[in-house]
Amino acid sequence: MSEELRVVSKEDKYNNVSLKISPAIRRSSVTRFLLAFQFLTIMPLKVKGNVSEKEIAQSAAFFPAVGAFQGLLALLSALLLSKVLPSEIVSGLIILILIISNGGFHLDGLADTFDALSVKSSGNKAIDREKMLFVMKDSATGAIGVTAIVLTILLKFLLIENLLTPYPLPLVPYFMLFLMPVFSRWSMVTAIFHGKSAKQDGLGKIFIDNTGAKEFLLSTTLAVGFWLFVLSFTLPMLSHLPLLLLSLFVLYILSFSATRFFDKKFNGLTGDNLGAISEISEILFLLVTLIWLQHSI
């Protein structure tokens, strides 16, 4: 978190009255929108001043909007690069651009999560849990974590490369590429909404403890809204409406199941687990999309 951003705890809520806030940045949806970008990307969008835990948690509602920005990067990159480069290289560059856009934040969480899951059991659940949480906190990445990153990138490469194969409706794969990060960021909000925090501090705990049904419903509305936005560009995509419902259902099941799994392993969720859920969601969305397109055309 930026040093320019200080979290005001619940105990300090009465101090919020004296905050000096720029007229351009009110305690509003705009502020929360900027916070979402600040947390999920390397975009230099800074929210200066004191920010409450509630405001941080409410920014989760705009995670799909951040995903739309990253999806737009992927879509434009695919459209432009595919004119001069083969699909294999285009796929690799799209993955690179997406990784750079969020600083590899989610891949780091994926690696830490799998490193923690690889910890050998001592037979004592409490001790094992503390060891796994310590491993996730450790800045070093183990062999299992590196393997998880390599396999994730490889699977994305193969899926995107196949997605860019010419289809009768040429724009459909590109729009699905746009929706991939939208839906994966939505899956993070789903996990946050259903989960509980495994730690007593950290940014993940702030989100998990303070994100409620309002944020979840708003994020769902945004995710569906971006799909409808895509439909406005190409009516033939209306035939793929069941894919929207299928994707939401599959990713909801993934997020809900992941929260239960991590609850058993770590006694809750961490920020690293959310990164892992996001990465796995992208793979699952691409897989479901590819299977649907190959059998619906």
C-alpha atoms as a PDB file:
ATOM      1  CA  MET A   1       0.000   0.000   0.000  1.00  0.00           C
ATOM      2  CA  SER A   2       1.256   3.457  -0.853  1.00  0.00           C
ATOM      3  CA  GLU A   3       2.788   5.464   1.969  1.00  0.00           C
ATOM      4  CA  GLU A   4       0.492   8.298   0.913  1.00  0.00           C
ATOM      5  CA  LEU A   5      -2.493   6.244   1.960  1.00  0.00           C
ATOM      6  CA  ARG A   6      -3.131   5.818   5.679  1.00  0.00           C
ATOM      7  CA  VAL A   7      -5.851   3.474   6.862  1.00  0.00           C
ATOM      8  CA  VAL A   8      -8.114   4.881   9.509  1.00  0.00           C
ATOM      9  CA  SER A   9      -9.337   2.098  11.778  1.00  0.00           C
ATOM     10  CA  LYS A  10     -12.817   1.807  13.241  1.00  0.00           C
ATOM     11  CA  GLU A  11     -11.515   3.205  16.498  1.00  0.00           C
ATOM     12  CA  ASP A  12     -10.417   6.362  14.618  1.00  0.00           C
ATOM     13  CA  LYS A  13     -13.728   6.890  12.858  1.00  0.00           C
ATOM     14  CA  TYR A  14     -14.496  10.129  14.661  1.00  0.00           C
ATOM     15  CA  ASN A  15     -11.228  11.595  13.392  1.00  0.00           C
ATOM     16  CA  ASN A  16     -12.541  11.356   9.841  1.00  0.00           C
ATOM     17  CA  VAL A  17     -14.500  14.560  10.381  1.00  0.00           C
ATOM     18  CA  SER A  18     -11.315  16.616  10.256  1.00  0.00           C
ATOM     19  CA  LEU A  19      -9.896  15.016   7.094  1.00  0.00           C
ATOM     20  CA  LYS A  20      -8.696  17.472   4.487  1.00  0.00           C
ATOM     21  CA  ILE A  21      -9.818  16.023   1.174  1.00  0.00           C
ATOM     22  CA  SER A  22      -9.167  17.517  -2.240  1.00  0.00           C
ATOM     23  CA  PRO A  23     -12.393  18.670  -3.943  1.00  0.00           C
ATOM     24  CA  ALA A  24     -11.443  16.391  -6.864  1.00  0.00           C
ATOM     25  CA  ILE A  25     -11.403  13.325  -4.643  1.00  0.00           C
ATOM     26  CA  ARG A  26     -14.506  13.035  -2.478  1.00  0.00           C
ATOM     27  CA  ARG A  27     -15.471  10.154  -0.216  1.00  0.00           C
ATOM     28  CA  SER A  28     -17.559   8.726  -3.014  1.00  0.00           C
ATOM     29  CA  SER A  29     -17.673   5.987  -5.602  1.00  0.00           C
ATOM     30  CA  VAL A  30     -14.920   7.817  -7.489  1.00  0.00           C
ATOM     31  CA  THR A  31     -12.570   7.407  -4.540  1.00  0.00           C
ATOM     32  CA  ARG A  32     -13.388   3.725  -4.220  1.00  0.00           C
ATOM     33  CA  PHE A  33     -12.973   3.277  -7.948  1.00  0.00           C
ATOM     34  CA  LEU A  34      -9.480   4.783  -7.743  1.00  0.00           C
ATOM     35  CA  LEU A  35      -8.671   2.628  -4.724  1.00  0.00           C
ATOM     36  CA  ALA A  36      -9.561  -0.499  -6.690  1.00  0.00           C
ATOM     37  CA  PHE A  37      -7.108   0.515  -9.409  1.00  0.00           C
ATOM     38  CA  GLN A  38      -4.466   1.332  -6.826  1.00  0.00           C
ATOM     39  CA  PHE A  39      -4.744  -2.107  -5.237  1.00  0.00           C
ATOM     40  CA  LEU A  40      -4.968  -4.240  -8.391  1.00  0.00           C
ATOM     41  CA  THR A  41      -2.747  -2.476 -10.918  1.00  0.00           C
ATOM     42  CA  ILE A  42       0.492  -0.545 -11.198  1.00  0.00           C
ATOM     43  CA  MET A  43      -1.404   2.447 -12.570  1.00  0.00           C
ATOM     44  CA  PRO A  44      -0.170   5.612 -10.815  1.00  0.00           C
ATOM     45  CA  LEU A  45      -3.603   6.472  -9.434  1.00  0.00           C
ATOM     46  CA  LYS A  46      -3.035   7.567  -5.857  1.00  0.00           C
ATOM     47  CA  VAL A  47      -5.628   8.426  -3.258  1.00  0.00           C
ATOM     48  CA  LYS A  48      -3.910  10.758  -0.835  1.00  0.00           C
ATOM     49  CA  GLY A  49      -4.941  11.282   2.745  1.00  0.00           C
ATOM     50  CA  ASN A  50      -6.687   9.134   5.295  1.00  0.00           C
ATOM     51  CA  VAL A  51      -8.803   6.245   4.074  1.00  0.00           C
ATOM     52  CA  SER A  52     -11.030   4.167   6.329  1.00  0.00           C
ATOM     53  CA  GLU A  53     -11.175   0.381   6.329  1.00  0.00           C
ATOM     54  CA  LYS A  54     -14.774   0.594   5.152  1.00  0.00           C
ATOM     55  CA  GLU A  55     -13.786   2.645   2.114  1.00  0.00           C
ATOM     56  CA  ILE A  56     -11.053   0.164   1.238  1.00  0.00           C
ATOM     57  CA  ALA A  57     -13.489  -2.747   1.468  1.00  0.00           C
ATOM     58  CA  GLN A  58     -16.102  -0.924  -0.607  1.00  0.00           C
ATOM     59  CA  SER A  59     -13.583  -0.573  -3.430  1.00  0.00           C
ATOM     60  CA  ALA A  60     -13.985  -4.335  -3.998  1.00  0.00           C
ATOM     61  CA  ALA A  61     -17.255  -3.547  -5.772  1.00  0.00           C
ATOM     62  CA  PHE A  62     -15.195  -1.997  -8.580  1.00  0.00           C
ATOM     63  CA  PHE A  63     -12.823  -4.932  -9.070  1.00  0.00           C
ATOM     64  CA  PRO A  64     -14.633  -5.979 -12.301  1.00  0.00           C
ATOM     65  CA  ALA A  65     -14.089  -2.423 -13.608  1.00  0.00           C
ATOM     66  CA  VAL A  66     -10.361  -2.849 -13.067  1.00  0.00           C
ATOM     67  CA  GLY A  67     -10.670  -6.176 -14.864  1.00  0.00           C
ATOM     68  CA  ALA A  68     -12.366  -4.365 -17.761  1.00  0.00           C
ATOM     69  CA  PHE A  69      -9.381  -2.032 -18.050  1.00  0.00           C
ATOM     70  CA  GLN A  70      -7.004  -4.995 -18.154  1.00  0.00           C
ATOM     71  CA  GLY A  71      -9.331  -6.807 -20.540  1.00  0.00           C
ATOM     72  CA  LEU A  72      -9.273  -3.790 -22.841  1.00  0.00           C
ATOM     73  CA  LEU A  73      -5.476  -3.938 -22.832  1.00  0.00           C
ATOM     74  CA  ALA A  74      -5.646  -7.612 -23.789  1.00  0.00           C
ATOM     75  CA  LEU A  75      -8.254  -7.022 -26.509  1.00  0.00           C
ATOM     76  CA  LEU A  76      -6.434  -4.103 -28.141  1.00  0.00           C
ATOM     77  CA  SER A  77      -3.110  -5.931 -27.943  1.00  0.00           C
ATOM     78  CA  ALA A  78      -4.620  -8.981 -29.618  1.00  0.00           C
ATOM     79  CA  LEU A  79      -6.262  -6.946 -32.378  1.00  0.00           C
ATOM     80  CA  LEU A  80      -3.163  -4.912 -33.172  1.00  0.00           C
ATOM     81  CA  LEU A  81      -0.455  -7.534 -32.733  1.00  0.00           C
ATOM     82  CA  SER A  82      -2.320 -10.235 -34.649  1.00  0.00           C
ATOM     83  CA  LYS A  83      -1.971  -8.107 -37.796  1.00  0.00           C
ATOM     84  CA  VAL A  84       1.816  -8.426 -37.796  1.00  0.00           C
ATOM     85  CA  LEU A  85       2.675 -11.425 -35.618  1.00  0.00           C
ATOM     86  CA  PRO A  86       1.692 -15.107 -35.448  1.00  0.00           C
ATOM     87  CA  SER A  87      -0.832 -16.177 -32.806  1.00  0.00           C
ATOM     88  CA  GLU A  88       1.786 -17.918 -30.639  1.00  0.00           C
ATOM     89  CA  ILE A  89       3.790 -14.729 -30.146  1.00  0.00           C
ATOM     90  CA  VAL A  90       0.630 -12.651 -29.724  1.00  0.00           C
ATOM     91  CA  SER A  91      -0.546 -14.987 -26.950  1.00  0.00           C
ATOM     92  CA  GLY A  92       2.756 -14.686 -25.119  1.00  0.00           C
ATOM     93  CA  LEU A  93       2.758 -10.896 -25.377  1.00  0.00           C
ATOM     94  CA  ILE A  94      -0.834 -10.650 -24.112  1.00  0.00           C
ATOM     95  CA  ILE A  95       0.100 -12.646 -21.023  1.00  0.00           C
ATOM     96  CA  LEU A  96       3.168 -10.449 -20.506  1.00  0.00           C
ATOM     97  CA  ILE A  97       1.100  -7.265 -20.791  1.00  0.00           C
ATOM     98  CA  LEU A  98      -1.455  -8.534 -18.266  1.00  0.00           C
ATOM     99  CA  ILE A  99       1.283  -9.547 -15.821  1.00  0.00           C
ATOM    100  CA  ILE A 100       2.951  -6.154 -16.111  1.00  0.00           C
ATOM    101  CA  SER A 101      -0.373  -4.342 -15.656  1.00  0.00           C
ATOM    102  CA  ASN A 102      -0.751  -5.712 -12.125  1.00  0.00           C
ATOM    103  CA  GLY A 103       2.929  -6.132 -11.297  1.00  0.00           C
ATOM    104  CA  GLY A 104       2.648  -9.920 -11.061  1.00  0.00           C
ATOM    105  CA  PHE A 105       0.696  -9.431  -7.836  1.00  0.00           C
ATOM    106  CA  HIS A 106      -1.680 -12.341  -8.399  1.00  0.00           C
ATOM    107  CA  LEU A 107       1.014 -14.719  -9.626  1.00  0.00           C
ATOM    108  CA  ASP A 108       2.951 -13.988  -6.450  1.00  0.00           C
ATOM    109  CA  GLY A 109      -0.127 -14.881  -4.406  1.00  0.00           C
ATOM    110  CA  LEU A 110      -0.548 -18.078  -6.427  1.00  0.00           C
ATOM    111  CA  ALA A 111       3.057 -19.103  -5.763  1.00  0.00           C
ATOM    112  CA  ASP A 112       2.843 -18.331  -2.040  1.00  0.00           C
ATOM    113  CA  THR A 113      -0.416 -20.271  -1.748  1.00  0.00           C
ATOM    114  CA  PHE A 114       0.960 -23.392  -3.425  1.00  0.00           C
ATOM    115  CA  ASP A 115       4.182 -23.184  -1.427  1.00  0.00           C
ATOM    116  CA  ALA A 116       2.100 -23.131   1.750  1.00  0.00           C
ATOM    117  CA  LEU A 117      -0.052 -26.050   0.616  1.00  0.00           C
ATOM    118  CA  SER A 118       3.120 -28.091  -0.009  1.00  0.00           C
ATOM    119  CA  VAL A 119       4.160 -27.908   3.661  1.00  0.00           C
ATOM    120  CA  LYS A 120       4.359 -31.436   5.065  1.00  0.00           C
ATOM    121  CA  SER A 121       1.957 -32.222   7.880  1.00  0.00           C
ATOM    122  CA  SER A 122       3.320 -32.757  11.385  1.00  0.00           C
ATOM    123  CA  GLY A 123       0.078 -34.306  12.584  1.00  0.00           C
ATOM    124  CA  ASN A 124      -0.832 -31.189  14.557  1.00  0.00           C
ATOM    125  CA  LYS A 125      -3.295 -28.966  12.662  1.00  0.00           C
ATOM    126  CA  ALA A 126      -2.542 -25.861  14.702  1.00  0.00           C
ATOM    127  CA  ILE A 127       1.210 -26.143  14.149  1.00  0.00           C
ATOM    128  CA  ASP A 128       0.741 -26.975  10.468  1.00  0.00           C
ATOM    129  CA  ARG A 129      -1.474 -23.932  10.018  1.00  0.00           C
ATOM    130  CA  GLU A 130       1.118 -21.630  11.570  1.00  0.00           C
ATOM    131  CA  LYS A 131       3.828 -23.119   9.346  1.00  0.00           C
ATOM    132  CA  MET A 132       1.745 -22.584   6.222  1.00  0.00           C
ATOM    133  CA  LEU A 133       0.921 -18.996   7.140  1.00  0.00           C
ATOM    134  CA  PHE A 134       4.621 -18.376   7.797  1.00  0.00           C
ATOM    135  CA  VAL A 135       5.534 -19.809   4.378  1.00  0.00           C
ATOM    136  CA  MET A 136       3.007 -17.519   2.680  1.00  0.00           C
ATOM    137  CA  LYS A 137       4.487 -14.541   4.494  1.00  0.00           C
ATOM    138  CA  ASP A 138       8.033 -15.490   3.476  1.00  0.00           C
ATOM    139  CA  SER A 139       9.269 -13.465   0.487  1.00  0.00           C
ATOM    140  CA  ALA A 140      11.154 -16.448  -0.934  1.00  0.00           C
ATOM    141  CA  THR A 141       9.436 -18.637  -3.534  1.00  0.00           C
ATOM    142  CA  GLY A 142       9.848 -22.405  -3.350  1.00  0.00           C
ATOM    143  CA  ALA A 143       9.940 -25.036  -6.070  1.00  0.00           C
ATOM    144  CA  ILE A 144       6.201 -25.732  -5.870  1.00  0.00           C
ATOM    145  CA  GLY A 145       5.416 -22.034  -6.157  1.00  0.00           C
ATOM    146  CA  VAL A 146       7.647 -21.653  -9.218  1.00  0.00           C
ATOM    147  CA  THR A 147       6.027 -24.743 -10.748  1.00  0.00           C
ATOM    148  CA  ALA A 148       2.567 -23.265 -10.153  1.00  0.00           C
ATOM    149  CA  ILE A 149       3.562 -20.028 -11.916  1.00  0.00           C
ATOM    150  CA  VAL A 150       5.084 -21.865 -14.888  1.00  0.00           C
ATOM    151  CA  LEU A 151       2.076 -24.150 -15.326  1.00  0.00           C
ATOM    152  CA  THR A 152      -0.358 -21.250 -14.996  1.00  0.00           C
ATOM    153  CA  ILE A 153       1.415 -19.196 -17.659  1.00  0.00           C
ATOM    154  CA  LEU A 154       1.735 -22.261 -19.904  1.00  0.00           C
ATOM    155  CA  LEU A 155      -1.962 -23.098 -19.624  1.00  0.00           C
ATOM    156  CA  LYS A 156      -2.963 -19.506 -20.319  1.00  0.00           C
ATOM    157  CA  PHE A 157      -0.672 -19.433 -23.335  1.00  0.00           C
ATOM    158  CA  LEU A 158      -2.170 -22.599 -24.796  1.00  0.00           C
ATOM    159  CA  LEU A 159      -5.751 -21.497 -24.121  1.00  0.00           C
ATOM    160  CA  ILE A 160      -5.313 -17.979 -25.501  1.00  0.00           C
ATOM    161  CA  GLU A 161      -3.438 -19.280 -28.549  1.00  0.00           C
ATOM    162  CA  ASN A 162      -6.328 -21.628 -29.299  1.00  0.00           C
ATOM    163  CA  LEU A 163      -8.887 -18.915 -28.556  1.00  0.00           C
ATOM    164  CA  LEU A 164      -7.297 -16.702 -31.223  1.00  0.00           C
ATOM    165  CA  THR A 165      -7.867 -19.388 -33.851  1.00  0.00           C
ATOM    166  CA  PRO A 166     -10.120 -18.000 -36.623  1.00  0.00           C
ATOM    167  CA  TYR A 167     -13.858 -18.424 -35.929  1.00  0.00           C
ATOM    168  CA  PRO A 168     -16.920 -17.747 -38.132  1.00  0.00           C
ATOM    169  CA  LEU A 169     -17.618 -14.811 -35.805  1.00  0.00           C
ATOM    170  CA  PRO A 170     -14.123 -13.271 -35.700  1.00  0.00           C
ATOM    171  CA  LEU A 171     -14.745 -10.749 -32.910  1.00  0.00           C
ATOM    172  CA  VAL A 172     -16.132 -13.267 -30.419  1.00  0.00           C
ATOM    173  CA  PRO A 173     -12.749 -14.624 -29.203  1.00  0.00           C
ATOM    174  CA  TYR A 174     -11.445 -11.084 -28.724  1.00  0.00           C
ATOM    175  CA  PHE A 175     -14.437 -10.066 -26.640  1.00  0.00           C
ATOM    176  CA  MET A 176     -14.054 -13.220 -24.549  1.00  0.00           C
ATOM    177  CA  LEU A 177     -10.448 -12.201 -23.979  1.00  0.00           C
ATOM    178  CA  PHE A 178     -11.757  -8.833 -22.766  1.00  0.00           C
ATOM    179  CA  LEU A 179     -14.154 -10.522 -20.339  1.00  0.00           C
ATOM    180  CA  MET A 180     -11.543 -12.904 -18.883  1.00  0.00           C
ATOM    181  CA  PRO A 181     -10.080 -10.474 -16.284  1.00  0.00           C
ATOM    182  CA  VAL A 182     -13.542  -8.986 -15.652  1.00  0.00           C
ATOM    183  CA  PHE A 183     -14.877 -12.328 -14.476  1.00  0.00           C
ATOM    184  CA  SER A 184     -11.706 -13.304 -12.616  1.00  0.00           C
ATOM    185  CA  ARG A 185     -11.796 -10.080 -10.577  1.00  0.00           C
ATOM    186  CA  TRP A 186     -15.458 -10.767  -9.858  1.00  0.00           C
ATOM    187  CA  SER A 187     -14.492 -14.202  -8.544  1.00  0.00           C
ATOM    188  CA  MET A 188     -12.172 -12.484  -6.055  1.00  0.00           C
ATOM    189  CA  VAL A 189     -15.094 -10.456  -4.704  1.00  0.00           C
ATOM    190  CA  THR A 190     -17.143 -13.646  -4.425  1.00  0.00           C
ATOM    191  CA  ALA A 191     -14.408 -15.261  -2.340  1.00  0.00           C
ATOM    192  CA  ILE A 192     -14.029 -12.144  -0.192  1.00  0.00           C
ATOM    193  CA  PHE A 193     -17.783 -12.057   0.428  1.00  0.00           C
ATOM    194  CA  HIS A 194     -18.014 -15.716   1.494  1.00  0.00           C
ATOM    195  CA  GLY A 195     -14.682 -16.032   3.284  1.00  0.00           C
ATOM    196  CA  LYS A 196     -13.212 -15.115   6.623  1.00  0.00           C
ATOM    197  CA  SER A 197      -9.727 -13.823   7.331  1.00  0.00           C
ATOM    198  CA  ALA A 198      -6.963 -16.240   8.327  1.00  0.00           C
ATOM    199  CA  LYS A 199      -4.846 -13.398   9.696  1.00  0.00           C
ATOM    200  CA  GLN A 200      -5.348 -10.713  12.299  1.00  0.00           C
ATOM    201  CA  ASP A 201      -3.825  -7.988  10.137  1.00  0.00           C
ATOM    202  CA  GLY A 202      -3.092  -7.092   6.556  1.00  0.00           C
ATOM    203  CA  LEU A 203      -4.954  -5.698   3.571  1.00  0.00           C
ATOM    204  CA  GLY A 204      -6.692  -9.013   2.901  1.00  0.00           C
ATOM    205  CA  LYS A 205      -8.279  -8.937   6.354  1.00  0.00           C
ATOM    206  CA  ILE A 206      -9.610  -5.421   5.751  1.00  0.00           C
ATOM    207  CA  PHE A 207     -11.361  -6.547   2.583  1.00  0.00           C
ATOM    208  CA  ILE A 208     -12.652  -9.832   3.993  1.00  0.00           C
ATOM    209  CA  ASP A 209     -13.972  -8.361   7.234  1.00  0.00           C
ATOM    210  CA  ASN A 210     -15.705  -5.356   5.684  1.00  0.00           C
ATOM    211  CA  THR A 211     -16.986  -6.437   2.260  1.00  0.00           C
ATOM    212  CA  GLY A 212     -20.700  -7.213   2.366  1.00  0.00           C
ATOM    213  CA  ALA A 213     -23.641  -8.099   0.156  1.00  0.00           C
ATOM    214  CA  LYS A 214     -23.822  -4.570  -1.284  1.00  0.00           C
ATOM    215  CA  GLU A 215     -20.305  -4.789  -2.706  1.00  0.00           C
ATOM    216  CA  PHE A 216     -20.879  -8.319  -3.978  1.00  0.00           C
ATOM    217  CA  LEU A 217     -24.109  -7.370  -5.756  1.00  0.00           C
ATOM    218  CA  LEU A 218     -22.578  -4.246  -7.273  1.00  0.00           C
ATOM    219  CA  SER A 219     -19.578  -6.205  -8.554  1.00  0.00           C
ATOM    220  CA  THR A 220     -21.950  -8.789 -10.054  1.00  0.00           C
ATOM    221  CA  THR A 221     -23.937  -6.014 -11.723  1.00  0.00           C
ATOM    222  CA  LEU A 222     -20.749  -4.581 -13.204  1.00  0.00           C
ATOM    223  CA  ALA A 223     -19.582  -7.975 -14.478  1.00  0.00           C
ATOM    224  CA  VAL A 224     -22.920  -8.632 -16.180  1.00  0.00           C
ATOM    225  CA  GLY A 225     -23.000  -5.036 -17.402  1.00  0.00           C
ATOM    226  CA  PHE A 226     -19.692  -5.431 -19.205  1.00  0.00           C
ATOM    227  CA  TRP A 227     -21.078  -8.541 -20.892  1.00  0.00           C
ATOM    228  CA  LEU A 228     -24.098  -6.535 -22.082  1.00  0.00           C
ATOM    229  CA  PHE A 229     -21.700  -3.851 -23.260  1.00  0.00           C
ATOM    230  CA  VAL A 230     -19.979  -6.466 -25.400  1.00  0.00           C
ATOM    231  CA  LEU A 231     -23.362  -7.576 -26.779  1.00  0.00           C
ATOM    232  CA  SER A 232     -24.030  -4.041 -27.949  1.00  0.00           C
ATOM    233  CA  PHE A 233     -21.132  -4.358 -30.391  1.00  0.00           C
ATOM    234  CA  THR A 234     -22.121  -7.653 -31.935  1.00  0.00           C
ATOM    235  CA  LEU A 235     -25.663  -9.026 -31.767  1.00  0.00           C
ATOM    236  CA  PRO A 236     -24.592 -12.523 -32.920  1.00  0.00           C
ATOM    237  CA  MET A 237     -23.002 -12.906 -29.488  1.00  0.00           C
ATOM    238  CA  LEU A 238     -26.513 -13.124 -28.086  1.00  0.00           C
ATOM    239  CA  SER A 239     -26.409 -16.810 -29.025  1.00  0.00           C
ATOM    240  CA  HIS A 240     -23.590 -17.151 -26.482  1.00  0.00           C
ATOM    241  CA  LEU A 241     -25.722 -15.819 -23.622  1.00  0.00           C
ATOM    242  CA  PRO A 242     -25.761 -19.265 -21.932  1.00  0.00           C
ATOM    243  CA  LEU A 243     -21.967 -18.968 -21.753  1.00  0.00           C
ATOM    244  CA  LEU A 244     -22.398 -15.944 -19.481  1.00  0.00           C
ATOM    245  CA  LEU A 245     -24.588 -17.910 -17.085  1.00  0.00           C
ATOM    246  CA  LEU A 246     -22.300 -20.931 -17.262  1.00  0.00           C
ATOM    247  CA  SER A 247     -19.198 -18.830 -16.579  1.00  0.00           C
ATOM    248  CA  LEU A 248     -20.800 -17.092 -13.608  1.00  0.00           C
ATOM    249  CA  PHE A 249     -21.953 -20.411 -12.199  1.00  0.00           C
ATOM    250  CA  VAL A 250     -18.604 -22.178 -12.656  1.00  0.00           C
ATOM    251  CA  LEU A 251     -16.566 -19.314 -11.222  1.00  0.00           C
ATOM    252  CA  TYR A 252     -18.987 -18.880  -8.323  1.00  0.00           C
ATOM    253  CA  ILE A 253     -18.613 -22.570  -7.468  1.00  0.00           C
ATOM    254  CA  LEU A 254     -14.827 -22.246  -7.732  1.00  0.00           C
ATOM    255  CA  SER A 255     -14.690 -19.210  -5.445  1.00  0.00           C
ATOM    256  CA  PHE A 256     -17.110 -20.644  -2.901  1.00  0.00           C
ATOM    257  CA  SER A 257     -15.332 -24.029  -2.861  1.00  0.00           C
ATOM    258  CA  ALA A 258     -11.939 -22.334  -2.589  1.00  0.00           C
ATOM    259  CA  THR A 259     -13.032 -20.379   0.477  1.00  0.00           C
ATOM    260  CA  ARG A 260     -14.117 -23.630   2.148  1.00  0.00           C
ATOM    261  CA  PHE A 261     -10.888 -25.383   1.153  1.00  0.00           C
ATOM    262  CA  PHE A 262      -8.662 -22.566   2.416  1.00  0.00           C
ATOM    263  CA  ASP A 263     -10.727 -22.337   5.572  1.00  0.00           C
ATOM    264  CA  LYS A 264      -9.841 -25.949   6.346  1.00  0.00           C
ATOM    265  CA  LYS A 265      -6.178 -25.447   5.476  1.00  0.00           C
ATOM    266  CA  PHE A 266      -5.467 -21.967   6.833  1.00  0.00           C
ATOM    267  CA  ASN A 267      -8.534 -21.293   8.997  1.00  0.00           C
ATOM    268  CA  GLY A 268      -9.576 -18.602   6.544  1.00  0.00           C
ATOM    269  CA  LEU A 269      -8.451 -16.589   3.519  1.00  0.00           C
ATOM    270  CA  THR A 270      -5.364 -14.459   2.954  1.00  0.00           C
ATOM    271  CA  GLY A 271      -4.554 -11.915   0.270  1.00  0.00           C
ATOM    272  CA  ASP A 272      -2.311 -14.523  -1.369  1.00  0.00           C
ATOM    273  CA  ASN A 273      -5.263 -16.915  -1.621  1.00  0.00           C
ATOM    274  CA  LEU A 274      -7.281 -14.248  -3.407  1.00  0.00           C
ATOM    275  CA  GLY A 275      -4.496 -13.858  -5.946  1.00  0.00           C
ATOM    276  CA  ALA A 276      -4.490 -17.612  -6.502  1.00  0.00           C
ATOM    277  CA  ILE A 277      -8.273 -17.627  -6.987  1.00  0.00           C
ATOM    278  CA  SER A 278      -7.963 -14.867  -9.574  1.00  0.00           C
ATOM    279  CA  GLU A 279      -5.322 -16.742 -11.578  1.00  0.00           C
ATOM    280  CA  ILE A 280      -7.199 -20.045 -11.490  1.00  0.00           C
ATOM    281  CA  SER A 281     -10.420 -18.249 -12.439  1.00  0.00           C
ATOM    282  CA  GLU A 282      -8.809 -16.886 -15.591  1.00  0.00           C
ATOM    283  CA  ILE A 283      -7.721 -20.366 -16.638  1.00  0.00           C
ATOM    284  CA  LEU A 284     -11.148 -21.794 -15.898  1.00  0.00           C
ATOM    285  CA  PHE A 285     -12.926 -19.007 -17.776  1.00  0.00           C
ATOM    286  CA  LEU A 286     -10.723 -19.529 -20.829  1.00  0.00           C
ATOM    287  CA  LEU A 287     -11.251 -23.285 -20.651  1.00  0.00           C
ATOM    288  CA  VAL A 288     -15.041 -23.010 -20.407  1.00  0.00           C
ATOM    289  CA  THR A 289     -15.088 -20.422 -23.203  1.00  0.00           C
ATOM    290  CA  LEU A 290     -12.924 -22.512 -25.509  1.00  0.00           C
ATOM    291  CA  ILE A 291     -15.009 -25.637 -24.977  1.00  0.00           C
ATOM    292  CA  TRP A 292     -18.213 -23.663 -25.572  1.00  0.00           C
ATOM    293  CA  LEU A 293     -16.979 -22.030 -28.776  1.00  0.00           C
ATOM    294  CA  GLN A 294     -15.671 -25.280 -30.231  1.00  0.00           C
ATOM    295  CA  HIS A 295     -18.989 -27.054 -29.649  1.00  0.00           C
ATOM    296  CA  SER A 296     -21.364 -24.214 -30.518  1.00  0.00           C
ATOM    297  CA  ILE A 297     -20.010 -23.353 -33.944  1.00  0.00           C
END
